[in-house]
Amino acid sequence: MRQHENSRSEAASTLKCELAGDVLQSFGALRCTSIGWSMLPTVFPGDTLVVERVGPSQVGVGDVVVAGREGKLCAHRVIDTGSDAQHPQWITQGDAVSRPDRPVLEHELLGRVTYLIRAGRLIVVPTKLDGLERIVAKAIRHSEPAARALVYLHRLVQA
């Protein structure tokens, strides 16, 4: 029974990812809710990501991009770009993750996160972390309890 539930969940995730790509292609923008902790302290679980379709030449280091891969959406920051103009790719990494992701290929790139909506406020996504944010991100990379505490405090403040 468990295996059947997992395959249904994976199929639903894949469908959502494909639908998100279709919405971006058709309408040029998409809103989706963040569920992970990999972009703390920039993006918190529950934040709404405002994603805009962009071309490969419009993506640069510091941008937070959304990629569709393995049936899932992933929003991480671009930390480097590939040097091959014929086959563009981007190296991404979550602000709270210690290692970069595998390169995002052109067909996986869905868009760039331009804004967050948090507690009814529109927030521009920064292209780099300030000093305090870098310290917080580093602490979170090395301590799951620190990440849990930050998310807990954030929820208290937002309530």
C-alpha atoms as a PDB file:
ATOM      1  CA  MET A   1       0.000   0.000   0.000  1.00  0.00           C
ATOM      2  CA  ARG A   2       2.842   2.409   0.891  1.00  0.00           C
ATOM      3  CA  GLN A   3       4.478   2.016  -2.521  1.00  0.00           C
ATOM      4  CA  HIS A   4       1.161   2.816  -4.251  1.00  0.00           C
ATOM      5  CA  GLU A   5       0.830   6.015  -2.165  1.00  0.00           C
ATOM      6  CA  ASN A   6       4.383   7.068  -3.054  1.00  0.00           C
ATOM      7  CA  SER A   7       3.832   6.548  -6.775  1.00  0.00           C
ATOM      8  CA  ARG A   8       0.580   8.565  -6.605  1.00  0.00           C
ATOM      9  CA  SER A   9       2.403  11.342  -4.755  1.00  0.00           C
ATOM     10  CA  GLU A  10       5.222  11.358  -7.316  1.00  0.00           C
ATOM     11  CA  ALA A  11       2.705  11.456 -10.172  1.00  0.00           C
ATOM     12  CA  ALA A  12       0.910  14.395  -8.542  1.00  0.00           C
ATOM     13  CA  SER A  13       4.219  16.262  -8.081  1.00  0.00           C
ATOM     14  CA  THR A  14       5.165  15.663 -11.702  1.00  0.00           C
ATOM     15  CA  LEU A  15       1.770  16.901 -12.877  1.00  0.00           C
ATOM     16  CA  LYS A  16       2.073  20.062 -10.742  1.00  0.00           C
ATOM     17  CA  CYS A  17       5.550  20.725 -12.134  1.00  0.00           C
ATOM     18  CA  GLU A  18       4.350  20.322 -15.723  1.00  0.00           C
ATOM     19  CA  LEU A  19       1.337  22.536 -15.024  1.00  0.00           C
ATOM     20  CA  ALA A  20       3.581  25.249 -13.548  1.00  0.00           C
ATOM     21  CA  GLY A  21       5.732  25.157 -16.682  1.00  0.00           C
ATOM     22  CA  ASP A  22       2.646  25.392 -18.889  1.00  0.00           C
ATOM     23  CA  VAL A  23       1.271  28.355 -16.897  1.00  0.00           C
ATOM     24  CA  LEU A  24       4.590  30.199 -17.195  1.00  0.00           C
ATOM     25  CA  GLN A  25       4.776  29.492 -20.930  1.00  0.00           C
ATOM     26  CA  SER A  26       1.191  30.600 -21.521  1.00  0.00           C
ATOM     27  CA  PHE A  27       0.858  33.552 -19.167  1.00  0.00           C
ATOM     28  CA  GLY A  28       4.437  34.573 -18.342  1.00  0.00           C
ATOM     29  CA  ALA A  29       3.914  34.554 -14.567  1.00  0.00           C
ATOM     30  CA  LEU A  30       3.088  32.168 -11.775  1.00  0.00           C
ATOM     31  CA  ARG A  31       2.515  32.311  -8.030  1.00  0.00           C
ATOM     32  CA  CYS A  32       3.341  29.315  -5.870  1.00  0.00           C
ATOM     33  CA  THR A  33       3.840  28.679  -2.178  1.00  0.00           C
ATOM     34  CA  SER A  34       7.239  27.792  -0.757  1.00  0.00           C
ATOM     35  CA  ILE A  35       7.286  24.635   1.340  1.00  0.00           C
ATOM     36  CA  GLY A  36      10.968  24.061   2.016  1.00  0.00           C
ATOM     37  CA  TRP A  37      13.719  25.506   4.193  1.00  0.00           C
ATOM     38  CA  SER A  38      16.554  25.514   1.661  1.00  0.00           C
ATOM     39  CA  MET A  39      16.307  29.260   0.956  1.00  0.00           C
ATOM     40  CA  LEU A  40      16.244  30.482   4.567  1.00  0.00           C
ATOM     41  CA  PRO A  41      16.605  33.305   5.552  1.00  0.00           C
ATOM     42  CA  THR A  42      15.507  34.745   2.183  1.00  0.00           C
ATOM     43  CA  VAL A  43      12.411  32.582   1.657  1.00  0.00           C
ATOM     44  CA  PHE A  44      10.365  31.059   4.482  1.00  0.00           C
ATOM     45  CA  PRO A  45       7.889  28.189   4.260  1.00  0.00           C
ATOM     46  CA  GLY A  46       4.517  29.685   3.388  1.00  0.00           C
ATOM     47  CA  ASP A  47       5.914  32.609   1.406  1.00  0.00           C
ATOM     48  CA  THR A  48       4.299  33.066  -1.989  1.00  0.00           C
ATOM     49  CA  LEU A  49       6.849  33.174  -4.797  1.00  0.00           C
ATOM     50  CA  VAL A  50       6.029  35.417  -7.755  1.00  0.00           C
ATOM     51  CA  VAL A  51       7.797  33.802 -10.698  1.00  0.00           C
ATOM     52  CA  GLU A  52       8.203  35.411 -14.117  1.00  0.00           C
ATOM     53  CA  ARG A  53       9.200  33.650 -17.307  1.00  0.00           C
ATOM     54  CA  VAL A  54      12.637  34.783 -18.479  1.00  0.00           C
ATOM     55  CA  GLY A  55      14.975  33.857 -21.278  1.00  0.00           C
ATOM     56  CA  PRO A  56      18.408  32.368 -20.663  1.00  0.00           C
ATOM     57  CA  SER A  57      20.147  35.698 -21.296  1.00  0.00           C
ATOM     58  CA  GLN A  58      18.057  37.332 -18.552  1.00  0.00           C
ATOM     59  CA  VAL A  59      19.386  35.113 -15.752  1.00  0.00           C
ATOM     60  CA  GLY A  60      22.448  36.162 -13.803  1.00  0.00           C
ATOM     61  CA  VAL A  61      24.405  35.356 -10.683  1.00  0.00           C
ATOM     62  CA  GLY A  62      22.353  36.234  -7.604  1.00  0.00           C
ATOM     63  CA  ASP A  63      18.960  35.637  -9.202  1.00  0.00           C
ATOM     64  CA  VAL A  64      16.651  33.125  -7.564  1.00  0.00           C
ATOM     65  CA  VAL A  65      15.348  30.852 -10.311  1.00  0.00           C
ATOM     66  CA  VAL A  66      12.759  28.104 -10.432  1.00  0.00           C
ATOM     67  CA  ALA A  67      13.753  24.882 -12.143  1.00  0.00           C
ATOM     68  CA  GLY A  68      11.576  21.896 -12.888  1.00  0.00           C
ATOM     69  CA  ARG A  69      13.375  18.608 -12.508  1.00  0.00           C
ATOM     70  CA  GLU A  70      12.508  15.085 -11.518  1.00  0.00           C
ATOM     71  CA  GLY A  71       8.864  16.096 -11.241  1.00  0.00           C
ATOM     72  CA  LYS A  72       9.504  18.808  -8.664  1.00  0.00           C
ATOM     73  CA  LEU A  73       9.937  22.575  -8.586  1.00  0.00           C
ATOM     74  CA  CYS A  74      13.054  23.976  -6.962  1.00  0.00           C
ATOM     75  CA  ALA A  75      13.737  27.670  -6.266  1.00  0.00           C
ATOM     76  CA  HIS A  76      17.435  28.316  -5.579  1.00  0.00           C
ATOM     77  CA  ARG A  77      19.925  31.138  -6.105  1.00  0.00           C
ATOM     78  CA  VAL A  78      22.238  31.200  -9.144  1.00  0.00           C
ATOM     79  CA  ILE A  79      25.830  31.131  -7.893  1.00  0.00           C
ATOM     80  CA  ASP A  80      27.551  30.655 -11.260  1.00  0.00           C
ATOM     81  CA  THR A  81      26.736  30.425 -14.943  1.00  0.00           C
ATOM     82  CA  GLY A  82      28.082  28.064 -17.557  1.00  0.00           C
ATOM     83  CA  SER A  83      30.482  29.487 -20.079  1.00  0.00           C
ATOM     84  CA  ASP A  84      28.964  27.787 -23.129  1.00  0.00           C
ATOM     85  CA  ALA A  85      26.560  30.209 -24.841  1.00  0.00           C
ATOM     86  CA  GLN A  86      25.259  27.415 -27.104  1.00  0.00           C
ATOM     87  CA  HIS A  87      24.182  25.289 -24.131  1.00  0.00           C
ATOM     88  CA  PRO A  88      23.420  27.653 -21.236  1.00  0.00           C
ATOM     89  CA  GLN A  89      23.334  26.264 -17.740  1.00  0.00           C
ATOM     90  CA  TRP A  90      23.333  27.662 -14.245  1.00  0.00           C
ATOM     91  CA  ILE A  91      24.784  26.438 -10.967  1.00  0.00           C
ATOM     92  CA  THR A  92      22.263  26.986  -8.185  1.00  0.00           C
ATOM     93  CA  GLN A  93      22.327  26.564  -4.443  1.00  0.00           C
ATOM     94  CA  GLY A  94      19.874  27.149  -1.643  1.00  0.00           C
ATOM     95  CA  ASP A  95      20.978  29.921   0.724  1.00  0.00           C
ATOM     96  CA  ALA A  96      20.721  27.444   3.625  1.00  0.00           C
ATOM     97  CA  VAL A  97      22.303  24.506   1.785  1.00  0.00           C
ATOM     98  CA  SER A  98      25.999  23.656   2.044  1.00  0.00           C
ATOM     99  CA  ARG A  99      26.460  22.279  -1.487  1.00  0.00           C
ATOM    100  CA  PRO A 100      25.439  23.468  -4.944  1.00  0.00           C
ATOM    101  CA  ASP A 101      22.827  21.623  -6.981  1.00  0.00           C
ATOM    102  CA  ARG A 102      23.679  19.883 -10.208  1.00  0.00           C
ATOM    103  CA  PRO A 103      23.624  22.385 -13.099  1.00  0.00           C
ATOM    104  CA  VAL A 104      20.223  23.627 -14.265  1.00  0.00           C
ATOM    105  CA  LEU A 105      19.909  23.034 -17.990  1.00  0.00           C
ATOM    106  CA  GLU A 106      18.056  25.398 -20.306  1.00  0.00           C
ATOM    107  CA  HIS A 107      15.009  23.116 -20.666  1.00  0.00           C
ATOM    108  CA  GLU A 108      14.721  22.889 -16.836  1.00  0.00           C
ATOM    109  CA  LEU A 109      14.691  26.663 -16.299  1.00  0.00           C
ATOM    110  CA  LEU A 110      11.104  27.787 -15.700  1.00  0.00           C
ATOM    111  CA  GLY A 111      11.539  31.355 -14.499  1.00  0.00           C
ATOM    112  CA  ARG A 112      12.980  33.844 -12.032  1.00  0.00           C
ATOM    113  CA  VAL A 113      11.512  34.701  -8.641  1.00  0.00           C
ATOM    114  CA  THR A 114      11.019  38.466  -8.727  1.00  0.00           C
ATOM    115  CA  TYR A 115       8.977  39.004  -5.577  1.00  0.00           C
ATOM    116  CA  LEU A 116       7.823  37.275  -2.424  1.00  0.00           C
ATOM    117  CA  ILE A 117       4.474  37.853  -0.815  1.00  0.00           C
ATOM    118  CA  ARG A 118       4.753  37.530   2.954  1.00  0.00           C
ATOM    119  CA  ALA A 119       2.026  38.575   5.374  1.00  0.00           C
ATOM    120  CA  GLY A 120       0.359  40.570   2.602  1.00  0.00           C
ATOM    121  CA  ARG A 121       3.529  42.528   1.766  1.00  0.00           C
ATOM    122  CA  LEU A 122       5.326  42.451  -1.576  1.00  0.00           C
ATOM    123  CA  ILE A 123       9.073  41.929  -1.045  1.00  0.00           C
ATOM    124  CA  VAL A 124      11.704  42.257  -3.764  1.00  0.00           C
ATOM    125  CA  VAL A 125      14.010  39.230  -3.777  1.00  0.00           C
ATOM    126  CA  PRO A 126      17.569  40.440  -3.109  1.00  0.00           C
ATOM    127  CA  THR A 127      20.350  39.278  -5.405  1.00  0.00           C
ATOM    128  CA  LYS A 128      22.673  38.796  -2.458  1.00  0.00           C
ATOM    129  CA  LEU A 129      22.447  38.366   1.277  1.00  0.00           C
ATOM    130  CA  ASP A 130      23.500  41.159   3.603  1.00  0.00           C
ATOM    131  CA  GLY A 131      25.969  40.489   6.439  1.00  0.00           C
ATOM    132  CA  LEU A 132      23.462  39.332   9.046  1.00  0.00           C
ATOM    133  CA  GLU A 133      21.627  37.155   6.515  1.00  0.00           C
ATOM    134  CA  ARG A 134      24.921  35.485   5.526  1.00  0.00           C
ATOM    135  CA  ILE A 135      25.624  34.697   9.187  1.00  0.00           C
ATOM    136  CA  VAL A 136      22.119  33.286   9.684  1.00  0.00           C
ATOM    137  CA  ALA A 137      22.374  31.202   6.487  1.00  0.00           C
ATOM    138  CA  LYS A 138      25.733  29.796   7.591  1.00  0.00           C
ATOM    139  CA  ALA A 139      24.338  28.873  11.011  1.00  0.00           C
ATOM    140  CA  ILE A 140      21.348  27.164   9.398  1.00  0.00           C
ATOM    141  CA  ARG A 141      23.598  25.183   7.042  1.00  0.00           C
ATOM    142  CA  HIS A 142      25.295  23.596  10.024  1.00  0.00           C
ATOM    143  CA  SER A 143      22.410  23.269  12.472  1.00  0.00           C
ATOM    144  CA  GLU A 144      18.947  21.887  11.874  1.00  0.00           C
ATOM    145  CA  PRO A 145      17.871  23.090  15.349  1.00  0.00           C
ATOM    146  CA  ALA A 146      18.869  26.627  14.316  1.00  0.00           C
ATOM    147  CA  ALA A 147      16.706  26.304  11.182  1.00  0.00           C
ATOM    148  CA  ARG A 148      13.780  25.013  13.229  1.00  0.00           C
ATOM    149  CA  ALA A 149      14.169  27.862  15.735  1.00  0.00           C
ATOM    150  CA  LEU A 150      14.261  30.477  12.956  1.00  0.00           C
ATOM    151  CA  VAL A 151      11.109  29.091  11.310  1.00  0.00           C
ATOM    152  CA  TYR A 152       9.372  28.897  14.703  1.00  0.00           C
ATOM    153  CA  LEU A 153      10.278  32.516  15.564  1.00  0.00           C
ATOM    154  CA  HIS A 154       9.188  33.637  12.098  1.00  0.00           C
ATOM    155  CA  ARG A 155       5.784  31.996  12.585  1.00  0.00           C
ATOM    156  CA  LEU A 156       5.384  33.689  15.971  1.00  0.00           C
ATOM    157  CA  VAL A 157       6.156  37.111  14.487  1.00  0.00           C
ATOM    158  CA  GLN A 158       3.803  36.527  11.523  1.00  0.00           C
ATOM    159  CA  ALA A 159       0.882  35.411  13.726  1.00  0.00           C
END
